[in-house]
C-alpha cells in the first residue's frame, strides 16, 4: 500500500521535497475541468517527474451525456504528456452530473472510460462513497473498472457495497499536512 496525494490549481507552491520526504510515492494531477485544461497541471507533472513520483491524471467532469464524456476523453488523450502509472480518473462530483438519473451518470462514466481504454489507458471512477453507492451503477460498469473512493473515515466501506469490484485508491483525508500545507491523501493499492 502506497500513499498518494492529489493536486489541482488550488495547490500552488508545493514543497515537493517535503512531499517526497513524507513518504508520498505518487500524485494524481487534475489535468482538466470539463473541457478546459487546468492551469497548473504542466508544472505539477514537471515536479512529480523531477522527484520520482508516480503520476495519475483526473478530470473533474461536467458532462451530462455520453457524447460530452467521450469528447472530454478525446481532449484529455490529446494532452497526455506521459503514460499515467496511477491511471486516469473520472471525477464524478459536479452537482449537475450527480443530480441526473443513475443510468445517465453511469453512461457518462462508461463513455469516458471506454474512450480511454480504447487508447490503451486504464481509467476509473473517482467519487465519494455515497455517489458510488447511490448515483453510479457500479454493477453496470465492466468488472475491470477500478474505483478511487473518497471516504474520510477510519476505514473504507466501498468493498462492503461492491465486494467484487476493484478498489484502487481510498482517499482517507483532506487534511494531510506536508510542508505546512494540507493535501488530500489516499492509500493506493496495486
Foldseek 3Di string as FASTA:
>chain_A
DAKEFEDAPVDPPDPLVLCVVVRHAAYEYEQEEQQHGGDCRVVVVVSCVVSNHQYEYEYAHPDQALVSLLNSLVSVVVPDPDAHPLFYEYEQDDPNLQVDALVRNQSSQQSNQVNQVVVPTQYAYEDEQCCVQPRHPVVPHDQAHEYAYEDQDPDDCNCVRVVSHHHQKYFHDQADDTPNDTTGMIDGDD
